[in-house]
């Protein structure tokens, strides 16, 4: 029943989307969706490389190391906040 989507059905869906959201908002929505996808991809890549680095890195970080920050978007300085990481050391 729903497995067959041909060209007429896809065109009809696109026309309905344009009518609902308007032609002016669609490029902005696509741009923000692309930006979100890039952020998600970069964060996933960072988490993956961080996991590989932790396996080969020493347990104690250098004493003079600055705190890490998480940014809301690449290049967004206003949204950055310091991150406190749990330590393995007991007090």
Protein backbone atom coordinates (compact mmCIF):
# COMPACT_ATOMS: atom_id res chain seq x y z
CA UNK A 1 0.00 0.00 0.00
CA UNK A 2 2.62 2.59 1.07
CA UNK A 3 5.62 0.84 -0.52
CA UNK A 4 5.15 2.40 -3.96
CA UNK A 5 6.07 6.05 -4.10
CA UNK A 6 6.37 7.17 -7.69
CA UNK A 7 7.22 10.52 -9.20
CA UNK A 8 3.64 11.92 -9.00
CA UNK A 9 3.38 11.12 -5.29
CA UNK A 10 6.76 12.68 -4.49
CA UNK A 11 5.88 15.82 -6.49
CA UNK A 12 2.57 16.07 -4.64
CA UNK A 13 4.35 15.78 -1.27
CA UNK A 14 6.84 18.51 -2.27
CA UNK A 15 4.00 20.82 -3.40
CA UNK A 16 2.21 20.32 -0.08
CA UNK A 17 5.42 21.09 1.84
CA UNK A 18 5.96 24.29 -0.16
CA UNK A 19 2.36 25.34 0.44
CA UNK A 20 2.58 24.65 4.17
CA UNK A 21 5.91 26.29 4.93
CA UNK A 22 6.22 28.83 2.14
CA UNK A 23 8.98 29.15 -0.42
CA UNK A 24 10.89 31.75 1.62
CA UNK A 25 11.26 29.62 4.75
CA UNK A 26 12.41 26.42 3.02
CA UNK A 27 16.03 27.56 2.30
CA UNK A 28 16.41 28.73 5.91
CA UNK A 29 15.05 25.43 7.20
CA UNK A 30 17.39 23.45 4.92
CA UNK A 31 20.35 25.59 6.00
CA UNK A 32 19.63 25.08 9.71
CA UNK A 33 19.13 21.34 9.13
CA UNK A 34 22.50 21.15 7.36
CA UNK A 35 24.17 23.12 10.15
CA UNK A 36 22.70 20.77 12.76
CA UNK A 37 23.88 17.75 10.78
CA UNK A 38 27.44 19.18 10.58
CA UNK A 39 27.47 19.83 14.33
CA UNK A 40 26.22 16.32 15.07
CA UNK A 41 28.81 14.81 12.74
CA UNK A 42 31.68 16.81 14.27
CA UNK A 43 30.61 15.96 17.83
CA UNK A 44 30.34 12.25 16.97
CA UNK A 45 33.78 12.36 15.37
CA UNK A 46 35.22 14.16 18.42
CA UNK A 47 33.69 11.60 20.79
CA UNK A 48 35.08 8.76 18.69
CA UNK A 49 38.59 10.23 18.58
CA UNK A 50 38.39 11.09 22.31
CA UNK A 51 37.62 7.45 23.08
CA UNK A 52 40.66 6.35 21.10
CA UNK A 53 42.85 8.99 22.77
CA UNK A 54 41.73 7.94 26.26
CA UNK A 55 42.89 4.38 25.66
CA UNK A 56 46.46 5.51 24.94
CA UNK A 57 46.59 8.66 27.12
CA UNK A 58 47.97 8.70 30.68
CA UNK A 59 45.45 8.74 33.55
CA UNK A 60 46.54 12.13 34.99
CA UNK A 61 46.16 15.22 32.76
CA UNK A 62 48.94 17.83 32.74
CA UNK A 63 48.74 20.27 35.66
CA UNK A 64 48.76 23.42 33.48
CA UNK A 65 45.99 22.28 31.16
CA UNK A 66 43.13 24.73 30.60
CA UNK A 67 39.57 23.47 31.22
CA UNK A 68 37.80 22.10 28.16
CA UNK A 69 34.79 23.89 26.76
CA UNK A 70 31.78 22.72 24.79
CA UNK A 71 30.61 25.07 22.07
CA UNK A 72 27.01 25.23 20.90
CA UNK A 73 28.11 25.61 17.27
CA UNK A 74 31.45 25.79 15.46
CA UNK A 75 32.81 29.29 15.95
CA UNK A 76 30.21 30.22 18.59
CA UNK A 77 32.15 31.83 21.42
CA UNK A 78 29.19 33.28 23.30
CA UNK A 79 27.62 29.86 23.89
CA UNK A 80 30.77 28.21 25.25
CA UNK A 81 30.81 26.96 28.81
CA UNK A 82 33.51 25.20 30.85
CA UNK A 83 33.20 21.48 31.35
CA UNK A 84 34.10 19.73 34.56
CA UNK A 85 35.26 16.20 34.04
CA UNK A 86 35.10 13.50 36.68
CA UNK A 87 38.46 12.53 38.06
CA UNK A 88 39.62 9.08 39.02
CA UNK A 89 41.51 10.41 42.04
CA UNK A 90 40.11 9.99 45.54
CA UNK A 91 40.32 12.88 47.99
